[in-house]
Protein backbone atom coordinates (compact mmCIF):
# COMPACT_ATOMS: atom_id res chain seq x y z
CA MET A 1 78.49 -91.47 -48.35
CA ALA A 2 81.43 -93.59 -46.84
CA HIS A 3 83.23 -92.03 -44.02
CA ALA A 4 87.06 -92.07 -43.98
CA PHE A 5 86.88 -93.59 -40.46
CA LYS A 6 84.63 -95.95 -38.68
CA VAL A 7 83.95 -96.85 -35.05
CA GLY A 8 86.64 -98.95 -33.69
CA ASP A 9 89.37 -97.51 -35.90
CA HIS A 10 92.55 -96.73 -34.13
CA VAL A 11 93.71 -93.10 -34.92
CA ARG A 12 96.17 -90.51 -33.73
CA TRP A 13 96.01 -86.70 -33.72
CA ASN A 14 98.02 -83.69 -32.77
CA SER A 15 97.06 -82.24 -29.33
CA GLU A 16 98.48 -79.50 -27.22
CA ALA A 17 100.76 -82.01 -25.43
CA GLY A 18 101.89 -83.59 -28.75
CA HIS A 19 100.60 -86.65 -30.50
CA ALA A 20 97.68 -88.56 -28.93
CA SER A 21 95.96 -91.88 -30.07
CA GLY A 22 92.71 -93.51 -29.39
CA ARG A 23 89.80 -95.45 -30.92
CA ILE A 24 86.85 -94.05 -32.59
CA VAL A 25 83.70 -94.54 -30.30
CA LYS A 26 81.18 -92.55 -32.47
CA VAL A 27 80.72 -90.96 -35.69
CA HIS A 28 78.61 -87.70 -35.70
CA THR A 29 76.86 -86.67 -39.07
CA ARG A 30 74.63 -84.11 -37.69
CA ASP A 31 75.30 -80.87 -35.82
CA THR A 32 75.77 -81.68 -31.99
CA GLU A 33 76.54 -80.15 -28.80
CA TYR A 34 79.67 -81.29 -27.35
CA LYS A 35 81.39 -80.14 -24.12
CA GLY A 36 79.07 -76.99 -24.29
CA HIS A 37 79.96 -76.11 -27.79
CA MET A 38 78.16 -76.73 -31.04
CA ARG A 39 80.10 -78.90 -33.35
CA ARG A 40 79.05 -78.67 -37.05
CA CYS A 41 78.85 -82.09 -38.72
CA SER A 42 77.41 -83.52 -41.74
CA GLU A 43 77.29 -86.64 -43.89
CA ASP A 44 80.10 -85.02 -46.09
CA ASP A 45 82.02 -83.64 -43.12
CA PRO A 46 81.57 -85.87 -40.13
CA GLN A 47 83.31 -85.52 -36.76
CA TYR A 48 84.70 -88.20 -34.78
CA GLU A 49 84.43 -88.94 -30.98
CA ILE A 50 87.57 -90.62 -29.90
CA HIS A 51 88.43 -92.32 -26.58
CA SER A 52 92.06 -91.80 -25.78
CA ASP A 53 94.39 -94.63 -25.29
CA ARG A 54 96.32 -93.11 -22.39
CA THR A 55 93.59 -91.27 -20.33
CA ASP A 56 89.75 -91.56 -20.05
CA HIS A 57 89.64 -88.30 -22.00
CA VAL A 58 87.22 -88.28 -25.07
CA ALA A 59 88.08 -85.87 -27.98
CA MET A 60 86.03 -85.01 -30.96
CA HIS A 61 87.78 -84.15 -34.20
CA LYS A 62 87.22 -83.65 -38.02
CA GLY A 63 88.52 -86.47 -40.15
CA ALA A 64 91.35 -84.23 -41.59
CA ALA A 65 92.84 -83.95 -38.01
CA LEU A 66 93.12 -87.71 -37.90
CA GLN A 67 95.49 -90.30 -39.22
CA LYS A 68 94.69 -94.04 -39.08
CA ILE A 69 97.18 -96.36 -37.25
CA GLY A 70 97.77 -99.84 -38.59
C-alpha cells in the first residue's frame, strides 16, 4: 500500500509548543517500541519518525497528525 508520506518529505505538526516541522527519516509499518512505549503501526496505518528542523529532537507521529510542506 502507498503511504501518504515518504522518507525525505518535509512535514509540520502541532506540538505542545505550537507548530513544529521536520523531515521524515523513517516509516514504521510494524509495531515498534519508541522511547519506552509501544507504538502500533501497520501497512495501512504507519507512523513516521521525524527529525525536527530546529532541534535534534526526533518525534513519531501518525500520518493524520502531519501536513506536507512544499
